[in-house]
Amino acid sequence: MLIHPEINPVALQLGPLAIHWYGLTYLAAFGLFVWLGRLRLRHEPFVSSTGTNAWRKQDVEDILFLGVVGVVLGGRLGYCLFYKPLYYAAHPLEIFAVWQGGMSFHGGMLGVILAMIWFAHSRGRHWLQVADFVAPCVPTGLAAGRVGNFINGELWGRVASPDLPWGMVFKGAGDLPRHPSQLYQILLEGLLLFVLLWLYARKERAQGQVSAMFLLGYGLFRFVAEFFREPDAHLGLLSLGMSMGQWLCLPMILGGLGLWWWAGTQPQKIR
């Protein structure tokens, strides 16, 4: 049985300025996106684009900015809507109290999708081409975010067998060993999904199929990880013994399968 190291959330203190590890993981996520995005510019069909539709380095930075806005707004609104709708309906001003915590990946994803649609419209591109460009660059950022969760000792896993070698005791979660579900999510939704999606995107695909594989892959990996993650205390397990996270993954899985099939039926194969 292991003990969570209880790492100080403040990585560096410079007088009154406190730099938190969680903030550094976000910076790492942004840096990885820019690096991977510039590598994606070397892939087809982006490297061969010409004229007004030509892809440029500036596009990567613009997408990042819009994506951050979409993540923050969508993530916050998604948390309020999916996880505590009655509470925030009674206390609407607290929706803006982001310092109190509360973000939803699925809401953030919807925010990013809207941001990408806006970006595609402003550049005269098909939004699925933009989504295909972005999708392989996302999982490493998700992994960085889960590193922040682990450092903070939050979003821990369910109680594990005392015989589990990597079972871990988290401060505030009692004295029983738990699954370090943050590490599971780093490996599944982050690193493994990145490798599979990056390799998949390197070959010619119908437009929309790379995005579809992100939806399908993340949905499946998150669904599995939720079996080891402690459900939200105020929700517990819902119908069929599934968590809210699992229920939100089902539309992703079905949507990914449907989009992949639909994209494959379209005559123009431009990945």
C-alpha atoms as a PDB file:
ATOM      1  CA  MET A   1       0.000   0.000   0.000  1.00  0.00           C
ATOM      2  CA  LEU A   2       1.313   3.416  -0.996  1.00  0.00           C
ATOM      3  CA  ILE A   3       0.702   6.824   0.537  1.00  0.00           C
ATOM      4  CA  HIS A   4      -0.035   9.792  -1.693  1.00  0.00           C
ATOM      5  CA  PRO A   5       2.999  12.088  -1.312  1.00  0.00           C
ATOM      6  CA  GLU A   6       0.809  15.154  -0.603  1.00  0.00           C
ATOM      7  CA  ILE A   7       2.820  17.400  -2.884  1.00  0.00           C
ATOM      8  CA  ASN A   8       2.617  21.105  -2.121  1.00  0.00           C
ATOM      9  CA  PRO A   9       0.251  22.510  -4.787  1.00  0.00           C
ATOM     10  CA  VAL A  10       2.455  25.614  -4.980  1.00  0.00           C
ATOM     11  CA  ALA A  11       5.421  24.838  -7.211  1.00  0.00           C
ATOM     12  CA  LEU A  12       7.179  28.182  -6.765  1.00  0.00           C
ATOM     13  CA  GLN A  13       6.641  31.140  -4.457  1.00  0.00           C
ATOM     14  CA  LEU A  14       7.979  34.519  -5.594  1.00  0.00           C
ATOM     15  CA  GLY A  15       6.947  36.961  -2.901  1.00  0.00           C
ATOM     16  CA  PRO A  16       3.173  37.353  -3.121  1.00  0.00           C
ATOM     17  CA  LEU A  17       3.123  35.455  -6.420  1.00  0.00           C
ATOM     18  CA  ALA A  18       2.343  31.734  -6.080  1.00  0.00           C
ATOM     19  CA  ILE A  19       2.848  29.505  -9.104  1.00  0.00           C
ATOM     20  CA  HIS A  20       0.808  26.322  -8.756  1.00  0.00           C
ATOM     21  CA  TRP A  21       1.651  22.954 -10.241  1.00  0.00           C
ATOM     22  CA  TYR A  22      -1.818  22.837 -11.760  1.00  0.00           C
ATOM     23  CA  GLY A  23      -1.102  26.027 -13.669  1.00  0.00           C
ATOM     24  CA  LEU A  24       2.185  24.589 -14.882  1.00  0.00           C
ATOM     25  CA  THR A  25       0.417  21.471 -16.181  1.00  0.00           C
ATOM     26  CA  TYR A  26      -1.891  23.741 -18.177  1.00  0.00           C
ATOM     27  CA  LEU A  27       1.126  25.552 -19.629  1.00  0.00           C
ATOM     28  CA  ALA A  28       2.611  22.174 -20.532  1.00  0.00           C
ATOM     29  CA  ALA A  29      -0.645  21.225 -22.239  1.00  0.00           C
ATOM     30  CA  PHE A  30      -0.633  24.443 -24.281  1.00  0.00           C
ATOM     31  CA  GLY A  31       3.013  23.998 -25.233  1.00  0.00           C
ATOM     32  CA  LEU A  32       2.442  20.406 -26.329  1.00  0.00           C
ATOM     33  CA  PHE A  33      -0.524  21.472 -28.441  1.00  0.00           C
ATOM     34  CA  VAL A  34       1.527  24.113 -30.274  1.00  0.00           C
ATOM     35  CA  TRP A  35       4.399  21.669 -30.868  1.00  0.00           C
ATOM     36  CA  LEU A  36       2.155  18.861 -32.091  1.00  0.00           C
ATOM     37  CA  GLY A  37       0.051  21.282 -34.134  1.00  0.00           C
ATOM     38  CA  ARG A  38       3.122  22.435 -36.030  1.00  0.00           C
ATOM     39  CA  LEU A  39       4.021  18.818 -36.692  1.00  0.00           C
ATOM     40  CA  ARG A  40       0.490  18.267 -38.000  1.00  0.00           C
ATOM     41  CA  LEU A  41       1.106  21.027 -40.545  1.00  0.00           C
ATOM     42  CA  ARG A  42       3.550  18.646 -42.209  1.00  0.00           C
ATOM     43  CA  HIS A  43       0.845  16.007 -42.681  1.00  0.00           C
ATOM     44  CA  GLU A  44      -1.687  15.671 -45.494  1.00  0.00           C
ATOM     45  CA  PRO A  45      -3.956  17.327 -46.401  1.00  0.00           C
ATOM     46  CA  PHE A  46      -2.667  20.336 -44.464  1.00  0.00           C
ATOM     47  CA  VAL A  47       0.831  20.493 -45.988  1.00  0.00           C
ATOM     48  CA  SER A  48      -0.609  20.523 -49.528  1.00  0.00           C
ATOM     49  CA  SER A  49      -3.215  23.219 -48.883  1.00  0.00           C
ATOM     50  CA  THR A  50      -2.706  26.363 -50.969  1.00  0.00           C
ATOM     51  CA  GLY A  51      -4.192  29.769 -51.526  1.00  0.00           C
ATOM     52  CA  THR A  52      -6.656  31.232 -49.043  1.00  0.00           C
ATOM     53  CA  ASN A  53      -7.188  27.797 -47.486  1.00  0.00           C
ATOM     54  CA  ALA A  54      -3.489  27.179 -46.841  1.00  0.00           C
ATOM     55  CA  TRP A  55      -2.710  26.118 -43.269  1.00  0.00           C
ATOM     56  CA  ARG A  56      -0.140  28.276 -41.448  1.00  0.00           C
ATOM     57  CA  LYS A  57       1.604  28.339 -38.069  1.00  0.00           C
ATOM     58  CA  GLN A  58      -0.603  31.242 -37.042  1.00  0.00           C
ATOM     59  CA  ASP A  59      -3.607  28.930 -37.355  1.00  0.00           C
ATOM     60  CA  VAL A  60      -2.238  26.722 -34.587  1.00  0.00           C
ATOM     61  CA  GLU A  61      -1.978  29.662 -32.203  1.00  0.00           C
ATOM     62  CA  ASP A  62      -5.449  30.939 -33.131  1.00  0.00           C
ATOM     63  CA  ILE A  63      -6.961  27.504 -32.583  1.00  0.00           C
ATOM     64  CA  LEU A  64      -5.248  27.254 -29.201  1.00  0.00           C
ATOM     65  CA  PHE A  65      -6.649  30.605 -28.079  1.00  0.00           C
ATOM     66  CA  LEU A  66     -10.185  29.743 -29.172  1.00  0.00           C
ATOM     67  CA  GLY A  67      -9.842  26.268 -27.694  1.00  0.00           C
ATOM     68  CA  VAL A  68      -8.858  27.667 -24.293  1.00  0.00           C
ATOM     69  CA  VAL A  69     -11.901  29.958 -24.336  1.00  0.00           C
ATOM     70  CA  GLY A  70     -14.115  27.023 -25.317  1.00  0.00           C
ATOM     71  CA  VAL A  71     -12.668  24.781 -22.604  1.00  0.00           C
ATOM     72  CA  VAL A  72     -13.130  27.338 -19.832  1.00  0.00           C
ATOM     73  CA  LEU A  73     -16.642  28.445 -20.771  1.00  0.00           C
ATOM     74  CA  GLY A  74     -17.890  25.040 -21.855  1.00  0.00           C
ATOM     75  CA  GLY A  75     -16.216  23.227 -18.994  1.00  0.00           C
ATOM     76  CA  ARG A  76     -17.763  25.499 -16.386  1.00  0.00           C
ATOM     77  CA  LEU A  77     -21.236  25.564 -17.918  1.00  0.00           C
ATOM     78  CA  GLY A  78     -21.092  21.815 -18.485  1.00  0.00           C
ATOM     79  CA  TYR A  79     -20.267  21.182 -14.829  1.00  0.00           C
ATOM     80  CA  CYS A  80     -23.153  23.381 -13.696  1.00  0.00           C
ATOM     81  CA  LEU A  81     -25.581  21.720 -16.120  1.00  0.00           C
ATOM     82  CA  PHE A  82     -24.485  18.081 -15.887  1.00  0.00           C
ATOM     83  CA  TYR A  83     -23.467  17.751 -12.257  1.00  0.00           C
ATOM     84  CA  LYS A  84     -25.322  20.381 -10.159  1.00  0.00           C
ATOM     85  CA  PRO A  85     -28.180  21.819 -12.236  1.00  0.00           C
ATOM     86  CA  LEU A  86     -30.592  22.361  -9.332  1.00  0.00           C
ATOM     87  CA  TYR A  87     -27.967  24.042  -7.152  1.00  0.00           C
ATOM     88  CA  TYR A  88     -26.840  26.493  -9.820  1.00  0.00           C
ATOM     89  CA  ALA A  89     -30.426  27.153 -10.902  1.00  0.00           C
ATOM     90  CA  ALA A  90     -31.009  28.342  -7.324  1.00  0.00           C
ATOM     91  CA  HIS A  91     -27.651  30.181  -7.136  1.00  0.00           C
ATOM     92  CA  PRO A  92     -27.035  31.430 -10.719  1.00  0.00           C
ATOM     93  CA  LEU A  93     -24.390  33.983  -9.759  1.00  0.00           C
ATOM     94  CA  GLU A  94     -22.147  31.180  -8.444  1.00  0.00           C
ATOM     95  CA  ILE A  95     -21.795  29.927 -12.016  1.00  0.00           C
ATOM     96  CA  PHE A  96     -19.165  32.653 -12.367  1.00  0.00           C
ATOM     97  CA  ALA A  97     -17.314  31.602  -9.179  1.00  0.00           C
ATOM     98  CA  VAL A  98     -14.777  29.508 -11.077  1.00  0.00           C
ATOM     99  CA  TRP A  99     -12.272  29.807  -8.209  1.00  0.00           C
ATOM    100  CA  GLN A 100     -14.501  27.465  -6.208  1.00  0.00           C
ATOM    101  CA  GLY A 101     -13.717  24.661  -8.668  1.00  0.00           C
ATOM    102  CA  GLY A 102     -15.979  22.610 -10.873  1.00  0.00           C
ATOM    103  CA  MET A 103     -15.170  21.845 -14.518  1.00  0.00           C
ATOM    104  CA  SER A 104     -16.531  19.168 -16.831  1.00  0.00           C
ATOM    105  CA  PHE A 105     -14.492  17.592 -19.609  1.00  0.00           C
ATOM    106  CA  HIS A 106     -17.591  16.820 -21.646  1.00  0.00           C
ATOM    107  CA  GLY A 107     -18.793  20.417 -21.347  1.00  0.00           C
ATOM    108  CA  GLY A 108     -15.321  21.640 -22.282  1.00  0.00           C
ATOM    109  CA  MET A 109     -15.357  19.388 -25.333  1.00  0.00           C
ATOM    110  CA  LEU A 110     -18.661  20.893 -26.487  1.00  0.00           C
ATOM    111  CA  GLY A 111     -17.166  24.355 -25.979  1.00  0.00           C
ATOM    112  CA  VAL A 112     -14.142  23.411 -28.092  1.00  0.00           C
ATOM    113  CA  ILE A 113     -16.366  22.017 -30.842  1.00  0.00           C
ATOM    114  CA  LEU A 114     -18.247  25.321 -31.029  1.00  0.00           C
ATOM    115  CA  ALA A 115     -14.946  27.209 -31.066  1.00  0.00           C
ATOM    116  CA  MET A 116     -13.651  25.035 -33.908  1.00  0.00           C
ATOM    117  CA  ILE A 117     -16.861  25.567 -35.900  1.00  0.00           C
ATOM    118  CA  TRP A 118     -16.410  29.316 -35.517  1.00  0.00           C
ATOM    119  CA  PHE A 119     -12.741  29.084 -36.546  1.00  0.00           C
ATOM    120  CA  ALA A 120     -13.597  26.957 -39.583  1.00  0.00           C
ATOM    121  CA  HIS A 121     -16.295  29.410 -40.669  1.00  0.00           C
ATOM    122  CA  SER A 122     -13.917  32.370 -40.298  1.00  0.00           C
ATOM    123  CA  ARG A 123     -11.315  30.630 -42.485  1.00  0.00           C
ATOM    124  CA  GLY A 124     -13.720  29.204 -45.063  1.00  0.00           C
ATOM    125  CA  ARG A 125     -12.856  25.609 -44.176  1.00  0.00           C
ATOM    126  CA  HIS A 126     -14.974  22.576 -43.400  1.00  0.00           C
ATOM    127  CA  TRP A 127     -15.258  22.234 -39.629  1.00  0.00           C
ATOM    128  CA  LEU A 128     -14.493  18.507 -39.807  1.00  0.00           C
ATOM    129  CA  GLN A 129     -11.146  19.279 -41.431  1.00  0.00           C
ATOM    130  CA  VAL A 130     -10.361  21.575 -38.504  1.00  0.00           C
ATOM    131  CA  ALA A 131     -11.510  18.917 -36.045  1.00  0.00           C
ATOM    132  CA  ASP A 132      -9.324  16.305 -37.761  1.00  0.00           C
ATOM    133  CA  PHE A 133      -6.368  18.647 -37.439  1.00  0.00           C
ATOM    134  CA  VAL A 134      -6.960  19.246 -33.732  1.00  0.00           C
ATOM    135  CA  ALA A 135      -7.955  15.768 -32.528  1.00  0.00           C
ATOM    136  CA  PRO A 136      -4.507  14.067 -32.392  1.00  0.00           C
ATOM    137  CA  CYS A 137      -3.048  17.069 -30.545  1.00  0.00           C
ATOM    138  CA  VAL A 138      -5.507  16.891 -27.637  1.00  0.00           C
ATOM    139  CA  PRO A 139      -4.710  13.713 -25.618  1.00  0.00           C
ATOM    140  CA  THR A 140      -1.309  14.899 -24.346  1.00  0.00           C
ATOM    141  CA  GLY A 141      -3.014  17.974 -22.924  1.00  0.00           C
ATOM    142  CA  LEU A 142      -5.555  15.744 -21.201  1.00  0.00           C
ATOM    143  CA  ALA A 143      -2.694  13.738 -19.711  1.00  0.00           C
ATOM    144  CA  ALA A 144      -1.074  16.933 -18.407  1.00  0.00           C
ATOM    145  CA  GLY A 145      -4.333  17.922 -16.724  1.00  0.00           C
ATOM    146  CA  ARG A 146      -4.568  14.546 -14.975  1.00  0.00           C
ATOM    147  CA  VAL A 147      -1.008  15.009 -13.723  1.00  0.00           C
ATOM    148  CA  GLY A 148      -2.304  18.146 -12.030  1.00  0.00           C
ATOM    149  CA  ASN A 149      -5.166  16.159 -10.490  1.00  0.00           C
ATOM    150  CA  PHE A 150      -2.686  13.635  -9.081  1.00  0.00           C
ATOM    151  CA  ILE A 151      -0.372  16.292  -7.666  1.00  0.00           C
ATOM    152  CA  ASN A 152      -3.339  17.932  -5.957  1.00  0.00           C
ATOM    153  CA  GLY A 153      -4.533  14.595  -4.601  1.00  0.00           C
ATOM    154  CA  GLU A 154      -8.008  15.094  -6.063  1.00  0.00           C
ATOM    155  CA  LEU A 155     -10.437  13.006  -8.108  1.00  0.00           C
ATOM    156  CA  TRP A 156      -9.085   9.850  -6.481  1.00  0.00           C
ATOM    157  CA  GLY A 157     -10.256   6.337  -7.256  1.00  0.00           C
ATOM    158  CA  ARG A 158     -12.577   3.881  -5.599  1.00  0.00           C
ATOM    159  CA  VAL A 159     -11.534   1.745  -2.660  1.00  0.00           C
ATOM    160  CA  ALA A 160      -9.144  -0.977  -3.841  1.00  0.00           C
ATOM    161  CA  SER A 161      -8.214  -4.392  -2.539  1.00  0.00           C
ATOM    162  CA  PRO A 162      -5.580  -4.244   0.216  1.00  0.00           C
ATOM    163  CA  ASP A 163      -3.534  -6.627  -1.951  1.00  0.00           C
ATOM    164  CA  LEU A 164      -3.280  -4.170  -4.845  1.00  0.00           C
ATOM    165  CA  PRO A 165       0.441  -3.266  -4.965  1.00  0.00           C
ATOM    166  CA  TRP A 166      -0.206   0.271  -6.201  1.00  0.00           C
ATOM    167  CA  GLY A 167      -3.242   0.937  -4.006  1.00  0.00           C
ATOM    168  CA  MET A 168      -2.835   4.428  -2.549  1.00  0.00           C
ATOM    169  CA  VAL A 169      -4.146   6.266   0.507  1.00  0.00           C
ATOM    170  CA  PHE A 170      -5.211   9.833  -0.263  1.00  0.00           C
ATOM    171  CA  LYS A 171      -5.531  12.547   2.349  1.00  0.00           C
ATOM    172  CA  GLY A 172      -9.187  13.332   2.883  1.00  0.00           C
ATOM    173  CA  ALA A 173     -10.348  10.015   1.448  1.00  0.00           C
ATOM    174  CA  GLY A 174     -10.027   7.901   4.585  1.00  0.00           C
ATOM    175  CA  ASP A 175      -7.480   5.278   5.563  1.00  0.00           C
ATOM    176  CA  LEU A 176      -8.335   2.654   2.956  1.00  0.00           C
ATOM    177  CA  PRO A 177      -6.200   2.173  -0.176  1.00  0.00           C
ATOM    178  CA  ARG A 178      -7.741   3.445  -3.379  1.00  0.00           C
ATOM    179  CA  HIS A 179      -7.082   3.136  -7.071  1.00  0.00           C
ATOM    180  CA  PRO A 180      -4.879   6.020  -8.282  1.00  0.00           C
ATOM    181  CA  SER A 181      -7.407   6.620 -11.044  1.00  0.00           C
ATOM    182  CA  GLN A 182      -5.683   9.830 -12.114  1.00  0.00           C
ATOM    183  CA  LEU A 183      -2.711   7.703 -13.234  1.00  0.00           C
ATOM    184  CA  TYR A 184      -5.019   5.314 -15.068  1.00  0.00           C
ATOM    185  CA  GLN A 185      -6.495   8.238 -16.956  1.00  0.00           C
ATOM    186  CA  ILE A 186      -3.052   9.621 -17.781  1.00  0.00           C
ATOM    187  CA  LEU A 187      -2.149   6.287 -19.364  1.00  0.00           C
ATOM    188  CA  LEU A 188      -5.462   5.557 -21.097  1.00  0.00           C
ATOM    189  CA  GLU A 189      -7.053   8.857 -22.135  1.00  0.00           C
ATOM    190  CA  GLY A 190      -3.712  10.587 -22.452  1.00  0.00           C
ATOM    191  CA  LEU A 191      -0.731   8.580 -23.629  1.00  0.00           C
ATOM    192  CA  LEU A 192      -2.361   5.496 -25.169  1.00  0.00           C
ATOM    193  CA  LEU A 193      -5.042   7.515 -26.945  1.00  0.00           C
ATOM    194  CA  PHE A 194      -2.385   9.902 -28.269  1.00  0.00           C
ATOM    195  CA  VAL A 195      -0.235   7.107 -29.719  1.00  0.00           C
ATOM    196  CA  LEU A 196      -3.189   5.329 -31.343  1.00  0.00           C
ATOM    197  CA  LEU A 197      -4.735   8.511 -32.719  1.00  0.00           C
ATOM    198  CA  TRP A 198      -1.456   9.954 -33.999  1.00  0.00           C
ATOM    199  CA  LEU A 199      -0.644   6.763 -35.873  1.00  0.00           C
ATOM    200  CA  TYR A 200      -4.202   6.511 -37.211  1.00  0.00           C
ATOM    201  CA  ALA A 201      -4.109  10.095 -38.476  1.00  0.00           C
ATOM    202  CA  ARG A 202      -0.866   9.571 -40.412  1.00  0.00           C
ATOM    203  CA  LYS A 203      -2.630   7.484 -43.063  1.00  0.00           C
ATOM    204  CA  GLU A 204      -5.209   8.719 -45.544  1.00  0.00           C
ATOM    205  CA  ARG A 205      -8.653   8.884 -43.944  1.00  0.00           C
ATOM    206  CA  ALA A 206     -12.032  10.181 -44.982  1.00  0.00           C
ATOM    207  CA  GLN A 207     -12.661  13.667 -43.670  1.00  0.00           C
ATOM    208  CA  GLY A 208     -14.148  13.327 -40.199  1.00  0.00           C
ATOM    209  CA  GLN A 209     -12.823   9.861 -39.406  1.00  0.00           C
ATOM    210  CA  VAL A 210      -9.895  11.112 -37.300  1.00  0.00           C
ATOM    211  CA  SER A 211     -12.312  13.170 -35.208  1.00  0.00           C
ATOM    212  CA  ALA A 212     -14.607  10.159 -34.983  1.00  0.00           C
ATOM    213  CA  MET A 213     -11.791   8.009 -33.633  1.00  0.00           C
ATOM    214  CA  PHE A 214     -11.070  10.614 -30.954  1.00  0.00           C
ATOM    215  CA  LEU A 215     -14.700  10.533 -29.816  1.00  0.00           C
ATOM    216  CA  LEU A 216     -14.767   6.756 -29.862  1.00  0.00           C
ATOM    217  CA  GLY A 217     -11.352   6.281 -28.231  1.00  0.00           C
ATOM    218  CA  TYR A 218     -11.810   8.823 -25.474  1.00  0.00           C
ATOM    219  CA  GLY A 219     -15.333   7.632 -24.786  1.00  0.00           C
ATOM    220  CA  LEU A 220     -14.216   4.016 -24.411  1.00  0.00           C
ATOM    221  CA  PHE A 221     -11.111   4.755 -22.326  1.00  0.00           C
ATOM    222  CA  ARG A 222     -12.960   7.173 -20.020  1.00  0.00           C
ATOM    223  CA  PHE A 223     -15.827   4.697 -19.650  1.00  0.00           C
ATOM    224  CA  VAL A 224     -13.364   2.035 -18.474  1.00  0.00           C
ATOM    225  CA  ALA A 225     -11.488   4.437 -16.172  1.00  0.00           C
ATOM    226  CA  GLU A 226     -14.751   5.426 -14.485  1.00  0.00           C
ATOM    227  CA  PHE A 227     -15.034   1.910 -13.045  1.00  0.00           C
ATOM    228  CA  PHE A 228     -12.003   2.766 -10.895  1.00  0.00           C
ATOM    229  CA  ARG A 229     -12.756   6.435 -10.195  1.00  0.00           C
ATOM    230  CA  GLU A 230     -14.785   7.504  -7.157  1.00  0.00           C
ATOM    231  CA  PRO A 231     -18.161   8.888  -8.313  1.00  0.00           C
ATOM    232  CA  ASP A 232     -19.084  12.441  -7.369  1.00  0.00           C
ATOM    233  CA  ALA A 233     -20.230  12.390  -3.752  1.00  0.00           C
ATOM    234  CA  HIS A 234     -23.456  14.313  -4.407  1.00  0.00           C
ATOM    235  CA  LEU A 235     -24.415  12.046  -7.320  1.00  0.00           C
ATOM    236  CA  GLY A 236     -23.070   8.598  -6.552  1.00  0.00           C
ATOM    237  CA  LEU A 237     -23.855   5.915  -9.086  1.00  0.00           C
ATOM    238  CA  LEU A 238     -26.839   6.538 -11.331  1.00  0.00           C
ATOM    239  CA  SER A 239     -29.053   4.193 -13.346  1.00  0.00           C
ATOM    240  CA  LEU A 240     -27.600   0.767 -14.206  1.00  0.00           C
ATOM    241  CA  GLY A 241     -24.865   1.376 -11.634  1.00  0.00           C
ATOM    242  CA  MET A 242     -23.024   3.782 -13.921  1.00  0.00           C
ATOM    243  CA  SER A 243     -21.464   7.120 -12.999  1.00  0.00           C
ATOM    244  CA  MET A 244     -22.337  10.440 -14.602  1.00  0.00           C
ATOM    245  CA  GLY A 245     -19.018  10.299 -16.445  1.00  0.00           C
ATOM    246  CA  GLN A 246     -19.977   6.963 -17.995  1.00  0.00           C
ATOM    247  CA  TRP A 247     -23.395   8.197 -19.061  1.00  0.00           C
ATOM    248  CA  LEU A 248     -21.779  11.217 -20.707  1.00  0.00           C
ATOM    249  CA  CYS A 249     -19.352   8.913 -22.531  1.00  0.00           C
ATOM    250  CA  LEU A 250     -22.108   6.916 -24.200  1.00  0.00           C
ATOM    251  CA  PRO A 251     -23.087   9.716 -26.626  1.00  0.00           C
ATOM    252  CA  MET A 252     -19.384  10.123 -27.456  1.00  0.00           C
ATOM    253  CA  ILE A 253     -19.026   6.440 -28.291  1.00  0.00           C
ATOM    254  CA  LEU A 254     -22.206   6.319 -30.352  1.00  0.00           C
ATOM    255  CA  GLY A 255     -21.426   9.647 -32.011  1.00  0.00           C
ATOM    256  CA  GLY A 256     -17.901   8.471 -32.859  1.00  0.00           C
ATOM    257  CA  LEU A 257     -19.188   5.262 -34.438  1.00  0.00           C
ATOM    258  CA  GLY A 258     -21.862   7.132 -36.398  1.00  0.00           C
ATOM    259  CA  LEU A 259     -19.469   9.838 -37.611  1.00  0.00           C
ATOM    260  CA  TRP A 260     -16.836   7.273 -38.647  1.00  0.00           C
ATOM    261  CA  TRP A 261     -19.421   5.313 -40.657  1.00  0.00           C
ATOM    262  CA  TRP A 262     -20.949   8.439 -42.211  1.00  0.00           C
ATOM    263  CA  ALA A 263     -17.552   9.880 -43.172  1.00  0.00           C
ATOM    264  CA  GLY A 264     -16.656   6.612 -44.872  1.00  0.00           C
ATOM    265  CA  THR A 265     -19.730   6.822 -47.100  1.00  0.00           C
ATOM    266  CA  GLN A 266     -18.801  10.242 -48.463  1.00  0.00           C
ATOM    267  CA  PRO A 267     -17.250  10.199 -51.960  1.00  0.00           C
ATOM    268  CA  GLN A 268     -14.437  12.704 -51.368  1.00  0.00           C
ATOM    269  CA  LYS A 269     -11.557  11.112 -49.430  1.00  0.00           C
ATOM    270  CA  ILE A 270      -9.463  14.034 -48.208  1.00  0.00           C
ATOM    271  CA  ARG A 271      -8.823  12.731 -44.711  1.00  0.00           C
END
